Amino acid sequence: SSHIRDHVQAMQERKALHTLLAKRQEDLPPRRMKDSYLEVILPLGSQPEIREKYLNVYNSVRFGRILEDLDSLGVLICYTHTKQEAQPRSPLSIVTALVDKINLCKKIIYPDCDIKFTGNVSWVGRTSMEVKMHMLQLHGGDYSPVLDATFVMVARDPENKRPAFVNPLIPETPEEENIFKEGEVNKTKRIDFSTASLLKMAPTAEERNIVHDIFLDTLDPRQEKEGTVSFRSRILPPNSVWMEDAKLKSLQICHPQERNIFNRIFGGFLMRKAFELGWATACSCGGSRPFIVSVDDIMFQRPVEVGSLLLLSAQVCYTEKNYIQVRVHSEVFDADTREHHTTNIFHFTFMSEKEVPRIVPKTYGGKYIQLKNFNFDSGGEKDF
């Protein structure tokens, strides 16, 4: 489009697609896993002109760009699963609900070798789909594994306002049966995880003991001897950093260039920006180049509108040896109402080239960020 107002006309045209929606899931033909299987080649080796977009200063591939590609591919796979031959346009709006897991088995992604993405729908509910994707890179004439990813997508109506039914999935082999059952287990785990918030249930006995041990480690031994211990008099253990000193923030203005067909910001763009801030935070904490190891539990809680002020806050919440866990909180600021709304929460695990300092929280909320990766309002945190 040449103007942002063109979007209004496009959305008006999509309203007519409501008549193509299924009234029940049973009305839709079932699909097989192989029906949604796709392979896509990213020709970094054979088409050098596209390398610049993917190249970083270390002469390897920018992982944030890979996150964008995985998000796009996940949506495309779901559209393939739900495609109806008799319909020229899909009435569904497929959006990313959750990045369940991304595990990497290679530290370096080379910028001059072709990359192959593969994937298919692995589990289906009534309105949601789990997608498993794999990334491989060409070396010596063969493609070798780089990462595995599991995304959860949801189907909405043409205007992205209400849930919509998707085609059921029928496993054909014992291997596919196991993959489908794994999807059911993943769904149960996600439900259990969502109920484990400290706003819904008290800390466990083990968690309380861990918090207390951290508190004892930060007491001043001289005051302990004198019997004048204060909750506010704390010392930093050797080779440690206060959690509050291991954070970075950034601001993004959400321009139309990054919008999707619903005039909202593309989820892959949000993941890329969050990853880049998380990487910078891990770099400043570890003092050396960090390598991404895994991505966990990226929750898409609220869409980001074009023109929003996107505030990203990255916090190192846990370290062990040369591993760094970073949590990135994303929120939008409404200049008219002066309100902040959480849009996403991202979790990244990095591996540093050398051992990193231990992260020590000063507050109750800080310690439970380590245990639960739960966002606490800084104004409400209390000292131990």
Protein backbone atom coordinates (compact mmCIF):
# COMPACT_ATOMS: atom_id res chain seq x y z
CA SER A 1 0.00 0.00 0.00
CA SER A 2 1.07 3.62 -0.49
CA HIS A 3 -0.73 5.01 2.54
CA ILE A 4 -1.64 3.64 5.94
CA ARG A 5 -5.31 4.44 5.26
CA ASP A 6 -5.28 1.73 2.58
CA HIS A 7 -5.51 -0.70 5.44
CA VAL A 8 -9.04 0.47 6.26
CA GLN A 9 -10.28 -0.61 2.82
CA ALA A 10 -8.48 -3.95 3.09
CA MET A 11 -10.14 -4.71 6.42
CA GLN A 12 -13.55 -3.77 5.02
CA GLU A 13 -13.01 -6.31 2.24
CA ARG A 14 -12.08 -8.99 4.79
CA LYS A 15 -15.46 -8.65 6.54
CA ALA A 16 -17.09 -10.48 3.63
CA LEU A 17 -15.03 -13.57 4.47
CA HIS A 18 -17.05 -14.21 7.63
CA THR A 19 -19.50 -16.31 5.61
CA LEU A 20 -16.69 -18.80 4.85
CA LEU A 21 -16.02 -19.62 8.52
CA ALA A 22 -16.98 -23.06 9.79
CA LYS A 23 -19.76 -23.15 12.38
CA ARG A 24 -18.27 -26.30 13.97
CA GLN A 25 -14.88 -27.99 13.85
CA GLU A 26 -16.64 -31.18 12.75
CA ASP A 27 -17.62 -29.44 9.50
CA LEU A 28 -13.97 -29.12 8.48
CA PRO A 29 -12.09 -31.97 6.74
CA PRO A 30 -9.34 -33.54 8.87
CA ARG A 31 -5.73 -33.11 7.86
CA ARG A 32 -2.56 -35.21 8.09
CA MET A 33 0.78 -33.93 9.36
CA LYS A 34 2.30 -34.27 5.92
CA ASP A 35 -0.42 -32.06 4.45
CA SER A 36 1.10 -29.02 6.17
CA TYR A 37 4.76 -29.98 5.71
CA LEU A 38 6.84 -27.21 4.12
CA GLU A 39 10.47 -26.74 3.17
CA VAL A 40 11.87 -23.27 2.59
CA ILE A 41 15.39 -22.38 1.48
CA LEU A 42 17.14 -19.20 2.64
CA PRO A 43 19.83 -18.90 -0.08
CA LEU A 44 22.59 -17.12 1.85
CA GLY A 45 25.27 -19.06 -0.03
CA SER A 46 23.85 -18.95 -3.53
CA GLN A 47 22.47 -15.37 -3.39
CA PRO A 48 25.08 -13.16 -1.68
CA GLU A 49 22.96 -10.02 -2.17
CA ILE A 50 20.63 -11.00 0.69
CA ARG A 51 23.44 -11.68 3.21
CA GLU A 52 23.68 -8.06 4.33
CA LYS A 53 20.26 -8.29 5.98
CA TYR A 54 21.38 -11.30 8.02
CA LEU A 55 25.02 -10.43 8.75
CA ASN A 56 26.22 -9.34 12.21
CA VAL A 57 29.54 -7.80 13.29
CA TYR A 58 30.94 -11.24 14.21
CA ASN A 59 30.51 -12.46 10.61
CA SER A 60 27.69 -14.81 11.55
CA VAL A 61 23.92 -14.72 11.10
CA ARG A 62 21.75 -12.40 13.20
CA PHE A 63 19.54 -14.66 15.29
CA GLY A 64 16.88 -11.96 15.53
CA ARG A 65 16.34 -12.31 11.77
CA ILE A 66 15.96 -16.07 12.21
CA LEU A 67 13.24 -15.45 14.81
CA GLU A 68 11.38 -13.32 12.25
CA ASP A 69 11.66 -16.07 9.64
CA LEU A 70 10.45 -18.77 12.05
CA ASP A 71 7.43 -16.66 12.96
CA SER A 72 6.53 -16.15 9.29
CA LEU A 73 7.03 -19.82 8.49
CA GLY A 74 4.87 -20.91 11.44
CA VAL A 75 1.99 -18.80 10.15
CA LEU A 76 2.45 -20.11 6.60
CA ILE A 77 2.40 -23.73 7.82
CA CYS A 78 -0.87 -23.12 9.66
CA TYR A 79 -2.44 -21.54 6.59
CA THR A 80 -1.35 -24.62 4.63
CA HIS A 81 -3.00 -26.88 7.22
CA THR A 82 -6.30 -24.94 7.03
CA LYS A 83 -6.35 -24.27 3.30
CA GLN A 84 -9.62 -25.03 1.52
CA GLU A 85 -9.22 -25.62 -2.22
CA ALA A 86 -12.62 -24.13 -3.01
CA GLN A 87 -11.79 -20.84 -1.24
CA PRO A 88 -9.59 -18.33 -3.09
CA ARG A 89 -8.83 -16.51 0.18
CA SER A 90 -8.61 -17.88 3.70
CA PRO A 91 -11.20 -16.47 6.12
CA LEU A 92 -8.83 -17.16 9.02
CA SER A 93 -6.44 -14.81 10.72
CA ILE A 94 -3.50 -16.85 12.04
CA VAL A 95 -1.58 -15.16 14.85
CA THR A 96 1.29 -16.28 17.08
CA ALA A 97 0.18 -17.02 20.64
CA LEU A 98 3.33 -18.50 22.14
CA VAL A 99 6.87 -19.54 21.35
CA ASP A 100 7.04 -22.65 23.50
CA LYS A 101 10.67 -23.60 22.92
CA ILE A 102 13.62 -23.02 20.61
CA ASN A 103 16.72 -25.13 21.22
CA LEU A 104 19.98 -24.57 19.35
CA CYS A 105 22.66 -27.20 18.80
CA LYS A 106 25.15 -24.91 16.97
CA LYS A 107 26.89 -21.81 18.35
CA ILE A 108 27.59 -20.27 14.96
CA ILE A 109 25.20 -19.81 12.03
CA TYR A 110 27.35 -19.10 8.96
CA PRO A 111 26.36 -16.17 6.72
CA ASP A 112 27.60 -17.72 3.45
CA CYS A 113 25.87 -21.13 3.56
CA ASP A 114 22.29 -21.86 2.51
CA ILE A 115 19.75 -22.47 5.28
CA LYS A 116 16.79 -24.84 5.05
CA PHE A 117 13.68 -24.50 7.21
CA THR A 118 11.23 -27.40 7.52
CA GLY A 119 8.09 -27.77 9.60
CA ASN A 120 4.52 -28.97 9.95
CA VAL A 121 1.54 -28.81 12.27
CA SER A 122 2.14 -31.31 15.09
CA TRP A 123 -0.95 -30.86 17.29
CA VAL A 124 -4.38 -29.25 16.91
CA GLY A 125 -6.99 -28.15 19.42
CA ARG A 126 -10.27 -26.52 18.43
CA THR A 127 -8.88 -23.09 17.56
CA SER A 128 -5.14 -23.51 18.17
CA MET A 129 -2.29 -25.33 16.45
CA GLU A 130 1.18 -26.38 17.57
CA VAL A 131 3.87 -26.12 14.90
CA LYS A 132 7.25 -27.86 15.02
CA MET A 133 10.00 -26.39 12.85
CA HIS A 134 13.61 -27.30 12.19
CA MET A 135 16.47 -25.28 10.78
CA LEU A 136 19.44 -26.85 8.99
CA GLN A 137 22.49 -25.35 7.29
CA LEU A 138 24.40 -26.61 4.27
CA HIS A 139 27.97 -27.77 4.92
CA GLY A 140 30.02 -29.97 2.62
CA GLY A 141 27.02 -30.83 0.49
CA ASP A 142 24.84 -31.94 3.45
CA TYR A 143 22.36 -30.11 5.66
CA SER A 144 23.19 -30.38 9.37
CA PRO A 145 20.76 -29.47 12.22
CA VAL A 146 20.99 -26.01 13.80
CA LEU A 147 17.82 -25.62 15.86
CA ASP A 148 14.38 -27.03 16.68
CA ALA A 149 11.42 -24.79 17.43
CA THR A 150 7.89 -25.24 18.77
CA PHE A 151 5.35 -22.45 18.23
CA VAL A 152 1.67 -22.24 19.17
CA MET A 153 -0.62 -20.41 16.74
CA VAL A 154 -4.27 -19.50 17.13
CA ALA A 155 -6.93 -18.99 14.47
CA ARG A 156 -9.16 -15.93 14.55
CA ASP A 157 -11.98 -14.61 12.39
CA PRO A 158 -11.24 -12.43 9.32
CA GLU A 159 -11.08 -9.27 11.45
CA ASN A 160 -8.97 -10.89 14.18
CA LYS A 161 -11.66 -10.34 16.81
CA ARG A 162 -12.89 -13.84 17.80
CA PRO A 163 -11.56 -17.43 17.81
CA ALA A 164 -12.23 -19.56 14.75
CA PHE A 165 -12.27 -23.32 14.26
CA VAL A 166 -9.42 -25.11 12.48
CA ASN A 167 -9.18 -28.47 10.73
CA PRO A 168 -8.63 -31.41 13.08
CA LEU A 169 -5.38 -33.37 12.81
CA ILE A 170 -5.23 -37.15 12.38
CA PRO A 171 -1.92 -38.92 13.15
CA GLU A 172 -1.18 -41.77 10.73
CA THR A 173 1.82 -43.58 12.25
CA PRO A 174 2.96 -44.53 15.78
CA GLU A 175 5.62 -41.81 15.53
CA GLU A 176 2.96 -39.23 14.69
CA GLU A 177 0.82 -40.51 17.55
CA ASN A 178 3.69 -39.81 19.94
CA ILE A 179 4.22 -36.34 18.48
CA PHE A 180 0.52 -35.58 18.89
CA LYS A 181 0.52 -36.86 22.49
CA GLU A 182 3.51 -34.68 23.20
CA GLY A 183 1.46 -31.72 22.01
CA GLU A 184 -1.27 -32.64 24.50
CA VAL A 185 1.33 -32.81 27.28
CA ASN A 186 2.72 -29.43 26.27
CA LYS A 187 -0.77 -27.93 26.46
CA THR A 188 -1.24 -29.32 29.99
CA LYS A 189 2.14 -27.96 31.06
CA ARG A 190 1.25 -24.51 29.76
CA ILE A 191 -2.00 -24.53 31.73
CA ASP A 192 -0.18 -25.65 34.89
CA PHE A 193 2.50 -23.00 34.40
CA SER A 194 -0.11 -20.25 34.05
CA THR A 195 -1.59 -21.17 37.44
CA ALA A 196 1.79 -21.09 39.22
CA SER A 197 1.89 -17.30 39.46
CA LEU A 198 2.65 -15.83 42.89
CA LEU A 199 -0.52 -13.79 42.51
CA LYS A 200 -2.48 -17.05 42.46
CA MET A 201 -0.60 -19.38 44.81
CA ALA A 202 1.90 -19.09 47.67
CA PRO A 203 5.57 -20.03 47.29
CA THR A 204 6.43 -23.65 47.94
CA ALA A 205 8.46 -24.70 50.99
CA GLU A 206 11.50 -25.28 48.78
CA GLU A 207 11.18 -21.81 47.26
CA ARG A 208 10.87 -20.19 50.69
CA ASN A 209 14.05 -21.95 51.83
CA ILE A 210 15.95 -20.79 48.74
CA VAL A 211 14.84 -17.19 49.32
CA HIS A 212 15.93 -17.38 52.95
CA ASP A 213 19.34 -18.80 52.02
CA ILE A 214 19.90 -15.93 49.58
CA PHE A 215 19.00 -13.47 52.34
CA LEU A 216 21.47 -15.06 54.76
CA ASP A 217 24.25 -14.90 52.15
CA THR A 218 23.86 -11.13 51.91
CA LEU A 219 23.99 -10.32 55.65
CA ASP A 220 26.97 -8.42 57.04
CA PRO A 221 28.89 -10.92 59.24
CA ARG A 222 30.19 -8.09 61.46
CA GLN A 223 26.64 -7.07 62.31
CA GLU A 224 25.73 -10.71 62.95
CA LYS A 225 28.50 -10.92 65.56
CA GLU A 226 27.34 -7.69 67.18
CA GLY A 227 23.72 -8.75 67.09
CA THR A 228 22.71 -5.61 65.18
CA VAL A 229 21.58 -7.20 61.91
CA SER A 230 19.39 -4.91 59.78
CA PHE A 231 17.18 -5.94 56.93
CA ARG A 232 18.43 -2.93 54.99
CA SER A 233 22.12 -3.47 55.65
CA ARG A 234 23.18 -5.89 52.94
CA ILE A 235 26.52 -6.84 51.42
CA LEU A 236 27.25 -8.27 48.01
CA PRO A 237 28.84 -11.75 48.10
CA PRO A 238 32.17 -12.22 46.26
CA ASN A 239 32.09 -12.47 42.46
CA SER A 240 28.46 -11.32 42.40
CA VAL A 241 26.34 -8.54 40.92
CA TRP A 242 23.13 -7.11 42.34
CA MET A 243 20.21 -8.05 40.12
CA GLU A 244 19.08 -4.44 39.94
CA ASP A 245 22.43 -3.54 38.30
CA ALA A 246 22.07 -6.13 35.51
CA LYS A 247 19.39 -4.59 33.32
CA LEU A 248 18.99 -2.53 30.16
CA LYS A 249 16.05 -0.70 28.63
CA SER A 250 15.14 0.53 25.16
CA LEU A 251 12.36 2.34 23.34
CA GLN A 252 10.96 1.54 19.90
CA ILE A 253 8.59 3.69 17.87
CA CYS A 254 6.34 1.28 15.95
CA HIS A 255 6.32 2.49 12.35
CA PRO A 256 3.95 1.20 9.61
CA GLN A 257 6.88 -0.58 7.92
CA GLU A 258 6.64 -3.36 10.55
CA ARG A 259 2.87 -3.92 10.38
CA ASN A 260 0.98 -7.05 9.40
CA ILE A 261 -2.26 -7.27 7.42
CA PHE A 262 -4.25 -6.32 10.53
CA ASN A 263 -2.34 -3.03 10.88
CA ARG A 264 -0.56 -4.31 13.97
CA ILE A 265 3.12 -4.83 14.56
CA PHE A 266 4.52 -8.10 13.20
CA GLY A 267 5.31 -10.53 16.03
CA GLY A 268 8.65 -11.49 14.48
CA PHE A 269 9.77 -7.85 14.68
CA LEU A 270 8.95 -7.79 18.41
CA MET A 271 10.94 -10.98 18.94
CA ARG A 272 13.93 -9.59 17.06
CA LYS A 273 14.01 -6.37 19.05
CA ALA A 274 13.58 -8.22 22.36
CA PHE A 275 16.34 -10.67 21.46
CA GLU A 276 18.75 -7.89 20.51
CA LEU A 277 18.19 -6.12 23.83
CA GLY A 278 18.48 -9.43 25.69
CA TRP A 279 21.76 -10.16 23.89
CA ALA A 280 23.14 -6.73 24.78
CA THR A 281 22.16 -7.28 28.42
CA ALA A 282 23.88 -10.68 28.51
CA CYS A 283 26.94 -9.13 26.84
CA SER A 284 27.21 -6.36 29.45
CA CYS A 285 26.72 -8.85 32.29
CA GLY A 286 29.19 -11.47 31.07
CA GLY A 287 31.81 -9.13 29.68
CA SER A 288 32.23 -11.23 26.53
CA ARG A 289 30.30 -12.36 23.48
CA PRO A 290 27.20 -14.38 24.44
CA PHE A 291 25.78 -17.16 22.25
CA ILE A 292 22.07 -17.96 22.24
CA VAL A 293 21.31 -21.45 23.60
CA SER A 294 17.53 -21.52 23.91
CA VAL A 295 14.37 -19.44 23.80
CA ASP A 296 11.51 -20.28 26.17
CA ASP A 297 7.96 -19.18 26.88
CA ILE A 298 7.51 -16.09 24.73
CA MET A 299 4.00 -15.05 25.66
CA PHE A 300 2.03 -12.82 23.27
CA GLN A 301 -0.47 -11.22 25.64
CA ARG A 302 -1.62 -8.14 23.74
CA PRO A 303 -1.19 -6.87 20.15
CA VAL A 304 0.98 -3.83 19.49
CA GLU A 305 -0.67 -1.13 17.43
CA VAL A 306 1.12 0.91 14.75
CA GLY A 307 2.30 4.17 16.27
CA SER A 308 2.75 2.73 19.76
CA LEU A 309 5.68 3.55 21.99
CA LEU A 310 7.16 0.14 22.75
CA LEU A 311 9.17 -0.04 25.97
CA LEU A 312 11.51 -3.01 26.38
CA SER A 313 13.17 -3.87 29.69
CA ALA A 314 15.76 -6.67 29.86
CA GLN A 315 16.80 -8.20 33.19
CA VAL A 316 19.43 -10.84 33.91
CA CYS A 317 17.51 -13.05 36.33
CA TYR A 318 19.85 -15.99 36.80
CA THR A 319 23.44 -17.02 36.06
CA GLU A 320 25.34 -20.26 36.55
CA LYS A 321 28.94 -20.85 35.41
CA ASN A 322 28.94 -19.33 31.91
CA TYR A 323 25.16 -19.43 31.35
CA ILE A 324 22.98 -16.32 31.52
CA GLN A 325 19.18 -16.25 31.75
CA VAL A 326 17.63 -13.00 30.51
CA ARG A 327 14.00 -11.98 30.82
CA VAL A 328 12.69 -9.20 28.57
CA HIS A 329 9.46 -7.43 29.45
CA SER A 330 7.67 -5.57 26.67
CA GLU A 331 4.97 -2.98 27.22
CA VAL A 332 3.24 -0.23 25.25
CA PHE A 333 2.72 3.29 26.52
CA ASP A 334 -0.50 5.09 25.65
CA ALA A 335 0.33 8.80 25.50
CA ASP A 336 -3.36 9.76 25.75
CA THR A 337 -4.23 7.76 28.87
CA ARG A 338 -0.66 7.65 30.30
CA GLU A 339 -1.15 3.92 30.88
CA HIS A 340 1.32 1.06 30.41
CA HIS A 341 0.15 -2.35 29.18
CA THR A 342 2.22 -5.53 29.02
CA THR A 343 2.34 -7.00 25.52
CA ASN A 344 4.99 -9.73 25.68
CA ILE A 345 7.36 -11.54 28.00
CA PHE A 346 10.48 -13.13 26.52
CA HIS A 347 12.98 -15.60 28.03
CA PHE A 348 16.44 -16.13 26.51
CA THR A 349 19.29 -18.34 27.69
CA PHE A 350 22.81 -17.40 26.58
CA MET A 351 26.21 -19.01 26.97
CA SER A 352 29.14 -16.67 27.54
CA GLU A 353 32.72 -17.29 26.46
CA LYS A 354 33.84 -17.15 30.09
CA GLU A 355 32.35 -17.68 33.54
CA VAL A 356 29.99 -14.90 34.60
CA PRO A 357 29.29 -13.32 38.02
CA ARG A 358 26.49 -14.64 40.17
CA ILE A 359 23.29 -12.58 40.09
CA VAL A 360 22.02 -11.74 43.58
CA PRO A 361 18.59 -10.15 44.19
CA LYS A 362 18.03 -7.66 46.99
CA THR A 363 14.25 -7.93 47.09
CA TYR A 364 11.54 -10.52 47.50
CA GLY A 365 10.34 -9.82 43.98
CA GLY A 366 13.84 -10.11 42.58
CA LYS A 367 14.37 -13.58 44.00
CA TYR A 368 11.05 -14.81 42.66
CA ILE A 369 11.95 -13.50 39.24
CA GLN A 370 14.73 -16.07 39.45
CA LEU A 371 12.37 -18.80 40.65
CA LYS A 372 9.23 -18.04 38.67
CA ASN A 373 10.31 -15.58 35.96
CA PHE A 374 7.34 -13.53 37.11
CA ASN A 375 7.06 -9.77 36.60
CA PHE A 376 6.79 -7.75 39.80
CA ASP A 377 5.95 -4.07 39.96
CA SER A 378 9.13 -2.38 41.24
CA GLY A 379 7.07 -0.01 43.32
CA GLY A 380 5.67 -2.89 45.33
CA GLU A 381 8.88 -4.78 46.09
CA LYS A 382 9.94 -5.01 49.71
CA ASP A 383 13.35 -5.67 51.22
CA PHE A 384 13.91 -9.06 52.84
